[in-house]
C-alpha atoms as a PDB file:
ATOM      1  CA  MET A   1     109.714 119.500 123.451  1.00  0.00           C
ATOM      2  CA  ALA A   2     111.674 122.736 123.690  1.00  0.00           C
ATOM      3  CA  GLU A   3     109.105 124.101 126.166  1.00  0.00           C
ATOM      4  CA  ALA A   4     109.689 121.026 128.339  1.00  0.00           C
ATOM      5  CA  GLY A   5     113.438 121.656 128.458  1.00  0.00           C
ATOM      6  CA  PHE A   6     114.469 119.380 125.593  1.00  0.00           C
ATOM      7  CA  PRO A   7     115.224 121.694 122.661  1.00  0.00           C
ATOM      8  CA  ALA A   8     117.137 119.050 120.687  1.00  0.00           C
ATOM      9  CA  VAL A   9     114.389 116.419 120.912  1.00  0.00           C
ATOM     10  CA  THR A  10     111.844 116.186 118.126  1.00  0.00           C
ATOM     11  CA  ALA A  11     108.677 114.168 118.489  1.00  0.00           C
ATOM     12  CA  GLY A  12     106.744 112.441 115.776  1.00  0.00           C
ATOM     13  CA  SER A  13     104.594 109.406 115.293  1.00  0.00           C
ATOM     14  CA  TRP A  14     105.094 106.218 113.362  1.00  0.00           C
ATOM     15  CA  ILE A  15     103.078 103.175 112.419  1.00  0.00           C
ATOM     16  CA  GLY A  16     104.453  99.701 111.923  1.00  0.00           C
ATOM     17  CA  LEU A  17     103.353  96.136 111.403  1.00  0.00           C
ATOM     18  CA  LEU A  18     104.328  93.813 114.259  1.00  0.00           C
ATOM     19  CA  ALA A  19     104.098  90.045 114.559  1.00  0.00           C
ATOM     20  CA  PRO A  20     104.013  87.757 117.589  1.00  0.00           C
ATOM     21  CA  ALA A  21     107.287  86.658 119.147  1.00  0.00           C
ATOM     22  CA  LYS A  22     108.705  83.488 117.598  1.00  0.00           C
ATOM     23  CA  THR A  23     106.989  84.098 114.254  1.00  0.00           C
ATOM     24  CA  PRO A  24     109.026  82.050 111.771  1.00  0.00           C
ATOM     25  CA  PRO A  25     111.615  84.131 109.885  1.00  0.00           C
ATOM     26  CA  ALA A  26     110.191  82.996 106.536  1.00  0.00           C
ATOM     27  CA  VAL A  27     106.775  84.385 107.498  1.00  0.00           C
ATOM     28  CA  LEU A  28     108.328  87.680 108.624  1.00  0.00           C
ATOM     29  CA  ALA A  29     110.277  87.919 105.382  1.00  0.00           C
ATOM     30  CA  LYS A  30     107.131  87.312 103.301  1.00  0.00           C
ATOM     31  CA  LEU A  31     105.058  89.857 105.246  1.00  0.00           C
ATOM     32  CA  SER A  32     107.859  92.393 105.016  1.00  0.00           C
ATOM     33  CA  ALA A  33     108.398  91.902 101.285  1.00  0.00           C
ATOM     34  CA  ASP A  34     104.674  92.136 100.562  1.00  0.00           C
ATOM     35  CA  MET A  35     104.232  95.261 102.702  1.00  0.00           C
ATOM     36  CA  ASP A  36     107.287  96.855 101.112  1.00  0.00           C
ATOM     37  CA  ALA A  37     105.906  96.115  97.642  1.00  0.00           C
ATOM     38  CA  VAL A  38     102.591  97.758  98.531  1.00  0.00           C
ATOM     39  CA  LEU A  39     104.313 100.815 100.028  1.00  0.00           C
ATOM     40  CA  HIS A  40     106.264 101.266  96.793  1.00  0.00           C
ATOM     41  CA  GLN A  41     103.203 101.247  94.538  1.00  0.00           C
ATOM     42  CA  PRO A  42     102.955 104.798  93.132  1.00  0.00           C
ATOM     43  CA  ASP A  43      99.232 105.180  93.854  1.00  0.00           C
ATOM     44  CA  VAL A  44      99.598 103.925  97.434  1.00  0.00           C
ATOM     45  CA  ARG A  45     102.638 106.147  98.068  1.00  0.00           C
ATOM     46  CA  ALA A  46     100.821 109.179  96.663  1.00  0.00           C
ATOM     47  CA  ARG A  47      97.747 108.558  98.818  1.00  0.00           C
ATOM     48  CA  LEU A  48      99.791 108.089 101.992  1.00  0.00           C
ATOM     49  CA  ILE A  49     101.845 111.203 101.279  1.00  0.00           C
ATOM     50  CA  ASP A  50      98.600 113.149 100.712  1.00  0.00           C
ATOM     51  CA  TYR A  51      97.601 112.087 104.242  1.00  0.00           C
ATOM     52  CA  GLY A  52     100.913 113.351 105.636  1.00  0.00           C
ATOM     53  CA  ILE A  53     102.399 109.877 106.010  1.00  0.00           C
ATOM     54  CA  ASP A  54     105.984 109.164 104.971  1.00  0.00           C
ATOM     55  CA  PRO A  55     105.894 105.549 103.721  1.00  0.00           C
ATOM     56  CA  VAL A  56     109.240 103.991 104.631  1.00  0.00           C
ATOM     57  CA  GLY A  57     109.101 100.200 104.505  1.00  0.00           C
ATOM     58  CA  GLY A  58     112.207  98.093 105.015  1.00  0.00           C
ATOM     59  CA  LYS A  59     113.348  94.848 106.565  1.00  0.00           C
ATOM     60  CA  PRO A  60     112.151  93.470 109.936  1.00  0.00           C
ATOM     61  CA  GLU A  61     115.658  93.900 111.375  1.00  0.00           C
ATOM     62  CA  GLN A  62     115.636  97.592 110.474  1.00  0.00           C
ATOM     63  CA  PHE A  63     112.275  98.122 112.163  1.00  0.00           C
ATOM     64  CA  GLN A  64     113.413  96.192 115.237  1.00  0.00           C
ATOM     65  CA  ALA A  65     116.507  98.404 115.491  1.00  0.00           C
ATOM     66  CA  PHE A  66     114.337 101.519 115.079  1.00  0.00           C
ATOM     67  CA  ILE A  67     111.974 100.444 117.874  1.00  0.00           C
ATOM     68  CA  LYS A  68     114.906  99.715 120.199  1.00  0.00           C
ATOM     69  CA  ALA A  69     116.463 103.099 119.406  1.00  0.00           C
ATOM     70  CA  GLU A  70     113.140 104.842 120.108  1.00  0.00           C
ATOM     71  CA  ALA A  71     112.882 103.076 123.490  1.00  0.00           C
ATOM     72  CA  VAL A  72     116.397 104.214 124.409  1.00  0.00           C
ATOM     73  CA  ARG A  73     115.776 107.764 123.187  1.00  0.00           C
ATOM     74  CA  TRP A  74     112.471 108.230 124.995  1.00  0.00           C
ATOM     75  CA  GLY A  75     113.719 106.414 128.095  1.00  0.00           C
ATOM     76  CA  GLU A  76     116.470 109.017 128.320  1.00  0.00           C
ATOM     77  CA  VAL A  77     113.946 111.852 127.993  1.00  0.00           C
ATOM     78  CA  VAL A  78     111.761 110.354 130.732  1.00  0.00           C
ATOM     79  CA  ARG A  79     114.742 109.857 133.070  1.00  0.00           C
ATOM     80  CA  LYS A  80     116.023 113.398 132.516  1.00  0.00           C
ATOM     81  CA  SER A  81     112.547 114.871 132.954  1.00  0.00           C
ATOM     82  CA  GLY A  82     112.254 113.527 136.480  1.00  0.00           C
ATOM     83  CA  VAL A  83     108.764 112.165 135.843  1.00  0.00           C
ATOM     84  CA  LYS A  84     107.845 109.499 138.389  1.00  0.00           C
ATOM     85  CA  LEU A  85     105.316 106.684 138.086  1.00  0.00           C
ATOM     86  CA  GLU A  86     102.477 107.065 140.569  1.00  0.00           C
END
């Protein structure tokens, strides 16, 4: 990003599990708890880390806040870059 004029911006990738809008909170909580439990299994963590993946896990609200923050952050980069939709 430094070459593009954004020396303070770092880029990375992430993977997350999403559910349809209006999924019942109890279902989201169950999916989240189960996924978090899997991500904390030592053998799963070790395998993911071997692949260069940082297994994070967390609550749906945390992931929602992260996605919103990413949209704001990258929206700012796009606006400042002057890129236009064609």
